[in-house]
Amino acid sequence: MFNSFTVSGSSLRLLKVGERGVISRVRGTNPKVTEQLRRLGLSPGTSITLKQRFPRFVVHTRKGPLALTQSMIQSIYVRIGGL
């Protein structure tokens, strides 16, 4: 099944540790989560690198490392390898 992949991006979940990507879209069912992501600077065009998956999902941006909740992870889609 390829439910987590589209031409414009794939789920942030599909990134491997050390892999880089650019956020292509932020789409969530909870407006509070999408607003929180925006306040953290996680919006389309933002470059991210996955630093760890366990025990917390941590990404690194220009602003530094960020630990994300499951609802945040599910809301972020990336173009893998883009910078």
PDB file of N, CA and C in Angstrom:
ATOM      1  N   MET A   1       0.822  -1.179   0.000  1.00  0.00           N
ATOM      2  CA  MET A   1       0.000   0.000   0.000  1.00  0.00           C
ATOM      3  C   MET A   1       0.870   1.249   0.000  1.00  0.00           C
ATOM      4  N   PHE A   2       0.484   2.263  -0.755  1.00  0.00           N
ATOM      5  CA  PHE A   2       1.268   3.492  -0.842  1.00  0.00           C
ATOM      6  C   PHE A   2       0.463   4.691  -0.358  1.00  0.00           C
ATOM      7  N   ASN A   3      -0.307   4.527   0.694  1.00  0.00           N
ATOM      8  CA  ASN A   3      -1.133   5.613   1.201  1.00  0.00           C
ATOM      9  C   ASN A   3      -0.325   6.806   1.697  1.00  0.00           C
ATOM     10  N   SER A   4       0.930   6.615   2.062  1.00  0.00           N
ATOM     11  CA  SER A   4       1.730   7.702   2.630  1.00  0.00           C
ATOM     12  C   SER A   4       2.603   8.397   1.600  1.00  0.00           C
ATOM     13  N   PHE A   5       2.384   8.130   0.307  1.00  0.00           N
ATOM     14  CA  PHE A   5       3.238   8.704  -0.720  1.00  0.00           C
ATOM     15  C   PHE A   5       2.404   9.379  -1.793  1.00  0.00           C
ATOM     16  N   THR A   6       2.807  10.583  -2.193  1.00  0.00           N
ATOM     17  CA  THR A   6       2.179  11.280  -3.300  1.00  0.00           C
ATOM     18  C   THR A   6       3.292  11.893  -4.146  1.00  0.00           C
ATOM     19  N   VAL A   7       2.928  12.450  -5.283  1.00  0.00           N
ATOM     20  CA  VAL A   7       3.918  13.112  -6.130  1.00  0.00           C
ATOM     21  C   VAL A   7       4.517  14.307  -5.405  1.00  0.00           C
ATOM     22  N   SER A   8       3.717  15.007  -4.593  1.00  0.00           N
ATOM     23  CA  SER A   8       4.210  16.202  -3.918  1.00  0.00           C
ATOM     24  C   SER A   8       4.998  15.897  -2.651  1.00  0.00           C
ATOM     25  N   GLY A   9       4.917  14.680  -2.148  1.00  0.00           N
ATOM     26  CA  GLY A   9       5.679  14.363  -0.958  1.00  0.00           C
ATOM     27  C   GLY A   9       5.256  13.057  -0.330  1.00  0.00           C
ATOM     28  N   SER A  10       6.004  12.677   0.680  1.00  0.00           N
ATOM     29  CA  SER A  10       5.681  11.464   1.416  1.00  0.00           C
ATOM     30  C   SER A  10       5.608  11.804   2.897  1.00  0.00           C
ATOM     31  N   SER A  11       5.023  10.930   3.661  1.00  0.00           N
ATOM     32  CA  SER A  11       4.898  11.148   5.095  1.00  0.00           C
ATOM     33  C   SER A  11       6.279  11.280   5.731  1.00  0.00           C
ATOM     34  N   LEU A  12       6.385  12.152   6.693  1.00  0.00           N
ATOM     35  CA  LEU A  12       7.633  12.323   7.442  1.00  0.00           C
ATOM     36  C   LEU A  12       8.077  10.995   8.047  1.00  0.00           C
ATOM     37  N   ARG A  13       7.121  10.133   8.363  1.00  0.00           N
ATOM     38  CA  ARG A  13       7.415   8.807   8.915  1.00  0.00           C
ATOM     39  C   ARG A  13       8.350   7.971   8.046  1.00  0.00           C
ATOM     40  N   LEU A  14       8.365   8.227   6.746  1.00  0.00           N
ATOM     41  CA  LEU A  14       9.164   7.411   5.831  1.00  0.00           C
ATOM     42  C   LEU A  14      10.637   7.801   5.796  1.00  0.00           C
ATOM     43  N   LEU A  15      10.991   8.953   6.385  1.00  0.00           N
ATOM     44  CA  LEU A  15      12.399   9.338   6.442  1.00  0.00           C
ATOM     45  C   LEU A  15      13.168   8.364   7.320  1.00  0.00           C
ATOM     46  N   LYS A  16      14.402   8.096   6.935  1.00  0.00           N
ATOM     47  CA  LYS A  16      15.299   7.271   7.732  1.00  0.00           C
ATOM     48  C   LYS A  16      16.220   8.205   8.514  1.00  0.00           C
ATOM     49  N   VAL A  17      16.748   7.722   9.628  1.00  0.00           N
ATOM     50  CA  VAL A  17      17.652   8.533  10.436  1.00  0.00           C
ATOM     51  C   VAL A  17      18.813   9.008   9.569  1.00  0.00           C
ATOM     52  N   GLY A  18      19.094  10.301   9.622  1.00  0.00           N
ATOM     53  CA  GLY A  18      20.157  10.907   8.830  1.00  0.00           C
ATOM     54  C   GLY A  18      19.686  11.435   7.486  1.00  0.00           C
ATOM     55  N   GLU A  19      18.489  11.086   7.078  1.00  0.00           N
ATOM     56  CA  GLU A  19      17.969  11.523   5.785  1.00  0.00           C
ATOM     57  C   GLU A  19      17.426  12.948   5.875  1.00  0.00           C
ATOM     58  N   ARG A  20      17.612  13.692   4.786  1.00  0.00           N
ATOM     59  CA  ARG A  20      17.161  15.088   4.722  1.00  0.00           C
ATOM     60  C   ARG A  20      15.948  15.202   3.827  1.00  0.00           C
ATOM     61  N   GLY A  21      15.159  16.224   4.087  1.00  0.00           N
ATOM     62  CA  GLY A  21      13.990  16.493   3.265  1.00  0.00           C
ATOM     63  C   GLY A  21      13.562  17.935   3.415  1.00  0.00           C
ATOM     64  N   VAL A  22      12.618  18.320   2.579  1.00  0.00           N
ATOM     65  CA  VAL A  22      12.027  19.656   2.641  1.00  0.00           C
ATOM     66  C   VAL A  22      10.531  19.461   2.843  1.00  0.00           C
ATOM     67  N   ILE A  23       9.976  20.164   3.799  1.00  0.00           N
ATOM     68  CA  ILE A  23       8.541  20.045   4.040  1.00  0.00           C
ATOM     69  C   ILE A  23       7.793  20.531   2.810  1.00  0.00           C
ATOM     70  N   SER A  24       6.957  19.659   2.253  1.00  0.00           N
ATOM     71  CA  SER A  24       6.184  20.027   1.067  1.00  0.00           C
ATOM     72  C   SER A  24       4.792  20.507   1.446  1.00  0.00           C
ATOM     73  N   ARG A  25       4.240  19.969   2.551  1.00  0.00           N
ATOM     74  CA  ARG A  25       2.939  20.444   3.027  1.00  0.00           C
ATOM     75  C   ARG A  25       2.723  20.013   4.466  1.00  0.00           C
ATOM     76  N   VAL A  26       1.857  20.757   5.127  1.00  0.00           N
ATOM     77  CA  VAL A  26       1.453  20.441   6.493  1.00  0.00           C
ATOM     78  C   VAL A  26      -0.065  20.319   6.452  1.00  0.00           C
ATOM     79  N   ARG A  27      -0.539  19.130   6.736  1.00  0.00           N
ATOM     80  CA  ARG A  27      -1.976  18.899   6.678  1.00  0.00           C
ATOM     81  C   ARG A  27      -2.373  18.039   7.861  1.00  0.00           C
ATOM     82  N   GLY A  28      -3.148  18.589   8.737  1.00  0.00           N
ATOM     83  CA  GLY A  28      -3.592  17.847   9.902  1.00  0.00           C
ATOM     84  C   GLY A  28      -5.085  17.965  10.099  1.00  0.00           C
ATOM     85  N   THR A  29      -5.629  17.067  10.875  1.00  0.00           N
ATOM     86  CA  THR A  29      -7.054  17.123  11.170  1.00  0.00           C
ATOM     87  C   THR A  29      -7.333  18.014  12.364  1.00  0.00           C
ATOM     88  N   ASN A  30      -6.289  18.325  13.134  1.00  0.00           N
ATOM     89  CA  ASN A  30      -6.445  19.159  14.320  1.00  0.00           C
ATOM     90  C   ASN A  30      -5.788  20.515  14.076  1.00  0.00           C
ATOM     91  N   PRO A  31      -6.581  21.585  13.996  1.00  0.00           N
ATOM     92  CA  PRO A  31      -6.015  22.920  13.744  1.00  0.00           C
ATOM     93  C   PRO A  31      -4.993  23.343  14.801  1.00  0.00           C
ATOM     94  N   LYS A  32      -5.136  22.870  16.039  1.00  0.00           N
ATOM     95  CA  LYS A  32      -4.172  23.223  17.089  1.00  0.00           C
ATOM     96  C   LYS A  32      -2.793  22.665  16.771  1.00  0.00           C
ATOM     97  N   VAL A  33      -2.759  21.460  16.213  1.00  0.00           N
ATOM     98  CA  VAL A  33      -1.477  20.837  15.855  1.00  0.00           C
ATOM     99  C   VAL A  33      -0.827  21.601  14.713  1.00  0.00           C
ATOM    100  N   THR A  34      -1.591  21.930  13.675  1.00  0.00           N
ATOM    101  CA  THR A  34      -0.995  22.662  12.549  1.00  0.00           C
ATOM    102  C   THR A  34      -0.521  24.047  12.979  1.00  0.00           C
ATOM    103  N   GLU A  35      -1.229  24.686  13.898  1.00  0.00           N
ATOM    104  CA  GLU A  35      -0.794  25.983  14.416  1.00  0.00           C
ATOM    105  C   GLU A  35       0.488  25.837  15.235  1.00  0.00           C
ATOM    106  N   GLN A  36       0.576  24.782  16.025  1.00  0.00           N
ATOM    107  CA  GLN A  36       1.779  24.534  16.820  1.00  0.00           C
ATOM    108  C   GLN A  36       2.978  24.295  15.904  1.00  0.00           C
ATOM    109  N   LEU A  37       2.786  23.543  14.831  1.00  0.00           N
ATOM    110  CA  LEU A  37       3.865  23.310  13.862  1.00  0.00           C
ATOM    111  C   LEU A  37       4.318  24.621  13.232  1.00  0.00           C
ATOM    112  N   ARG A  38       3.365  25.465  12.886  1.00  0.00           N
ATOM    113  CA  ARG A  38       3.693  26.762  12.285  1.00  0.00           C
ATOM    114  C   ARG A  38       4.524  27.597  13.264  1.00  0.00           C
ATOM    115  N   ARG A  39       4.128  27.602  14.543  1.00  0.00           N
ATOM    116  CA  ARG A  39       4.874  28.369  15.548  1.00  0.00           C
ATOM    117  C   ARG A  39       6.287  27.834  15.744  1.00  0.00           C
ATOM    118  N   LEU A  40       6.475  26.535  15.534  1.00  0.00           N
ATOM    119  CA  LEU A  40       7.805  25.935  15.652  1.00  0.00           C
ATOM    120  C   LEU A  40       8.660  26.185  14.403  1.00  0.00           C
ATOM    121  N   GLY A  41       8.057  26.782  13.375  1.00  0.00           N
ATOM    122  CA  GLY A  41       8.791  27.053  12.148  1.00  0.00           C
ATOM    123  C   GLY A  41       8.758  25.908  11.166  1.00  0.00           C
ATOM    124  N   LEU A  42       7.878  24.939  11.381  1.00  0.00           N
ATOM    125  CA  LEU A  42       7.768  23.789  10.484  1.00  0.00           C
ATOM    126  C   LEU A  42       6.656  24.052   9.482  1.00  0.00           C
ATOM    127  N   SER A  43       7.033  24.652   8.362  1.00  0.00           N
ATOM    128  CA  SER A  43       6.090  25.014   7.313  1.00  0.00           C
ATOM    129  C   SER A  43       6.684  24.616   5.961  1.00  0.00           C
ATOM    130  N   PRO A  44       5.871  24.623   4.904  1.00  0.00           N
ATOM    131  CA  PRO A  44       6.396  24.256   3.581  1.00  0.00           C
ATOM    132  C   PRO A  44       7.646  25.052   3.226  1.00  0.00           C
ATOM    133  N   GLY A  45       8.635  24.342   2.705  1.00  0.00           N
ATOM    134  CA  GLY A  45       9.904  24.950   2.326  1.00  0.00           C
ATOM    135  C   GLY A  45      10.996  24.800   3.374  1.00  0.00           C
ATOM    136  N   THR A  46      10.629  24.369   4.584  1.00  0.00           N
ATOM    137  CA  THR A  46      11.599  24.201   5.667  1.00  0.00           C
ATOM    138  C   THR A  46      12.400  22.919   5.468  1.00  0.00           C
ATOM    139  N   SER A  47      13.724  23.020   5.510  1.00  0.00           N
ATOM    140  CA  SER A  47      14.610  21.852   5.414  1.00  0.00           C
ATOM    141  C   SER A  47      14.707  21.183   6.774  1.00  0.00           C
ATOM    142  N   ILE A  48      14.621  19.853   6.786  1.00  0.00           N
ATOM    143  CA  ILE A  48      14.732  19.099   8.031  1.00  0.00           C
ATOM    144  C   ILE A  48      15.593  17.863   7.810  1.00  0.00           C
ATOM    145  N   THR A  49      16.190  17.391   8.891  1.00  0.00           N
ATOM    146  CA  THR A  49      16.949  16.139   8.896  1.00  0.00           C
ATOM    147  C   THR A  49      16.431  15.315  10.061  1.00  0.00           C
ATOM    148  N   LEU A  50      16.142  14.047   9.822  1.00  0.00           N
ATOM    149  CA  LEU A  50      15.693  13.177  10.904  1.00  0.00           C
ATOM    150  C   LEU A  50      16.902  12.730  11.708  1.00  0.00           C
ATOM    151  N   LYS A  51      16.915  13.045  13.001  1.00  0.00           N
ATOM    152  CA  LYS A  51      18.043  12.711  13.879  1.00  0.00           C
ATOM    153  C   LYS A  51      17.818  11.426  14.659  1.00  0.00           C
ATOM    154  N   GLN A  52      16.580  11.177  15.092  1.00  0.00           N
ATOM    155  CA  GLN A  52      16.303   9.935  15.820  1.00  0.00           C
ATOM    156  C   GLN A  52      14.821   9.615  15.731  1.00  0.00           C
ATOM    157  N   ARG A  53      14.517   8.328  15.883  1.00  0.00           N
ATOM    158  CA  ARG A  53      13.139   7.848  15.837  1.00  0.00           C
ATOM    159  C   ARG A  53      12.660   7.356  17.201  1.00  0.00           C
ATOM    160  N   PHE A  54      13.596   6.970  18.058  1.00  0.00           N
ATOM    161  CA  PHE A  54      13.239   6.382  19.338  1.00  0.00           C
ATOM    162  C   PHE A  54      14.186   6.876  20.417  1.00  0.00           C
ATOM    163  N   PRO A  55      13.761   7.214  21.588  1.00  0.00           N
ATOM    164  CA  PRO A  55      12.404   7.063  22.107  1.00  0.00           C
ATOM    165  C   PRO A  55      11.473   8.173  21.645  1.00  0.00           C
ATOM    166  N   ARG A  56      12.015   9.292  21.133  1.00  0.00           N
ATOM    167  CA  ARG A  56      11.209  10.373  20.570  1.00  0.00           C
ATOM    168  C   ARG A  56      11.636  10.606  19.140  1.00  0.00           C
ATOM    169  N   PHE A  57      10.723  11.041  18.320  1.00  0.00           N
ATOM    170  CA  PHE A  57      10.995  11.379  16.936  1.00  0.00           C
ATOM    171  C   PHE A  57      11.580  12.791  16.953  1.00  0.00           C
ATOM    172  N   VAL A  58      12.857  12.939  16.582  1.00  0.00           N
ATOM    173  CA  VAL A  58      13.534  14.237  16.645  1.00  0.00           C
ATOM    174  C   VAL A  58      14.025  14.626  15.260  1.00  0.00           C
ATOM    175  N   VAL A  59      13.683  15.852  14.852  1.00  0.00           N
ATOM    176  CA  VAL A  59      14.180  16.402  13.593  1.00  0.00           C
ATOM    177  C   VAL A  59      15.063  17.597  13.915  1.00  0.00           C
ATOM    178  N   HIS A  60      15.951  17.914  12.990  1.00  0.00           N
ATOM    179  CA  HIS A  60      16.822  19.068  13.153  1.00  0.00           C
ATOM    180  C   HIS A  60      16.502  20.053  12.037  1.00  0.00           C
ATOM    181  N   THR A  61      16.311  21.314  12.421  1.00  0.00           N
ATOM    182  CA  THR A  61      16.073  22.385  11.455  1.00  0.00           C
ATOM    183  C   THR A  61      17.157  23.441  11.657  1.00  0.00           C
ATOM    184  N   ARG A  62      17.071  24.501  10.916  1.00  0.00           N
ATOM    185  CA  ARG A  62      18.008  25.611  11.090  1.00  0.00           C
ATOM    186  C   ARG A  62      17.969  26.161  12.508  1.00  0.00           C
ATOM    187  N   LYS A  63      16.804  26.050  13.141  1.00  0.00           N
ATOM    188  CA  LYS A  63      16.630  26.564  14.508  1.00  0.00           C
ATOM    189  C   LYS A  63      17.115  25.586  15.567  1.00  0.00           C
ATOM    190  N   GLY A  64      17.469  24.354  15.178  1.00  0.00           N
ATOM    191  CA  GLY A  64      17.935  23.363  16.133  1.00  0.00           C
ATOM    192  C   GLY A  64      17.043  22.134  16.154  1.00  0.00           C
ATOM    193  N   PRO A  65      17.270  21.255  17.142  1.00  0.00           N
ATOM    194  CA  PRO A  65      16.498  20.009  17.220  1.00  0.00           C
ATOM    195  C   PRO A  65      15.095  20.241  17.781  1.00  0.00           C
ATOM    196  N   LEU A  66      14.137  19.456  17.271  1.00  0.00           N
ATOM    197  CA  LEU A  66      12.761  19.518  17.747  1.00  0.00           C
ATOM    198  C   LEU A  66      12.231  18.106  17.941  1.00  0.00           C
ATOM    199  N   ALA A  67      11.657  17.813  19.102  1.00  0.00           N
ATOM    200  CA  ALA A  67      10.997  16.530  19.348  1.00  0.00           C
ATOM    201  C   ALA A  67       9.531  16.693  18.961  1.00  0.00           C
ATOM    202  N   LEU A  68       9.020  15.747  18.180  1.00  0.00           N
ATOM    203  CA  LEU A  68       7.657  15.844  17.665  1.00  0.00           C
ATOM    204  C   LEU A  68       6.737  14.791  18.261  1.00  0.00           C
ATOM    205  N   THR A  69       5.468  15.154  18.391  1.00  0.00           N
ATOM    206  CA  THR A  69       4.450  14.209  18.847  1.00  0.00           C
ATOM    207  C   THR A  69       3.956  13.399  17.643  1.00  0.00           C
ATOM    208  N   GLN A  70       3.237  12.327  17.916  1.00  0.00           N
ATOM    209  CA  GLN A  70       2.690  11.495  16.837  1.00  0.00           C
ATOM    210  C   GLN A  70       1.750  12.299  15.935  1.00  0.00           C
ATOM    211  N   SER A  71       0.922  13.160  16.506  1.00  0.00           N
ATOM    212  CA  SER A  71       0.007  13.952  15.682  1.00  0.00           C
ATOM    213  C   SER A  71       0.766  14.945  14.800  1.00  0.00           C
ATOM    214  N   MET A  72       1.893  15.459  15.270  1.00  0.00           N
ATOM    215  CA  MET A  72       2.720  16.350  14.446  1.00  0.00           C
ATOM    216  C   MET A  72       3.337  15.572  13.288  1.00  0.00           C
ATOM    217  N   ILE A  73       3.879  14.400  13.598  1.00  0.00           N
ATOM    218  CA  ILE A  73       4.518  13.566  12.572  1.00  0.00           C
ATOM    219  C   ILE A  73       3.527  13.232  11.468  1.00  0.00           C
ATOM    220  N   GLN A  74       2.297  12.914  11.843  1.00  0.00           N
ATOM    221  CA  GLN A  74       1.271  12.538  10.872  1.00  0.00           C
ATOM    222  C   GLN A  74       0.827  13.706  10.006  1.00  0.00           C
ATOM    223  N   SER A  75       1.103  14.920  10.437  1.00  0.00           N
ATOM    224  CA  SER A  75       0.660  16.117   9.709  1.00  0.00           C
ATOM    225  C   SER A  75       1.688  16.632   8.704  1.00  0.00           C
ATOM    226  N   ILE A  76       2.919  16.116   8.758  1.00  0.00           N
ATOM    227  CA  ILE A  76       4.006  16.660   7.934  1.00  0.00           C
ATOM    228  C   ILE A  76       4.319  15.741   6.757  1.00  0.00           C
ATOM    229  N   TYR A  77       4.392  16.330   5.562  1.00  0.00           N
ATOM    230  CA  TYR A  77       4.792  15.611   4.350  1.00  0.00           C
ATOM    231  C   TYR A  77       6.051  16.281   3.807  1.00  0.00           C
ATOM    232  N   VAL A  78       6.975  15.473   3.315  1.00  0.00           N
ATOM    233  CA  VAL A  78       8.260  15.994   2.856  1.00  0.00           C
ATOM    234  C   VAL A  78       8.620  15.489   1.464  1.00  0.00           C
ATOM    235  N   ARG A  79       9.460  16.262   0.788  1.00  0.00           N
ATOM    236  CA  ARG A  79      10.149  15.795  -0.421  1.00  0.00           C
ATOM    237  C   ARG A  79      11.497  15.297   0.089  1.00  0.00           C
ATOM    238  N   ILE A  80      11.743  14.043  -0.053  1.00  0.00           N
ATOM    239  CA  ILE A  80      12.957  13.429   0.484  1.00  0.00           C
ATOM    240  C   ILE A  80      14.167  13.808  -0.365  1.00  0.00           C
ATOM    241  N   GLY A  81      15.244  14.161   0.336  1.00  0.00           N
ATOM    242  CA  GLY A  81      16.492  14.465  -0.340  1.00  0.00           C
ATOM    243  C   GLY A  81      16.625  15.890  -0.796  1.00  0.00           C
ATOM    244  N   GLY A  82      15.563  16.683  -0.722  1.00  0.00           N
ATOM    245  CA  GLY A  82      15.638  18.061  -1.192  1.00  0.00           C
ATOM    246  C   GLY A  82      16.260  18.984  -0.177  1.00  0.00           C
ATOM    247  N   LEU A  83      16.995  19.967  -0.671  1.00  0.00           N
ATOM    248  CA  LEU A  83      17.548  21.013   0.198  1.00  0.00           C
ATOM    249  C   LEU A  83      17.581  22.304  -0.550  1.00  0.00           C
TER     250      LEU A  83
END
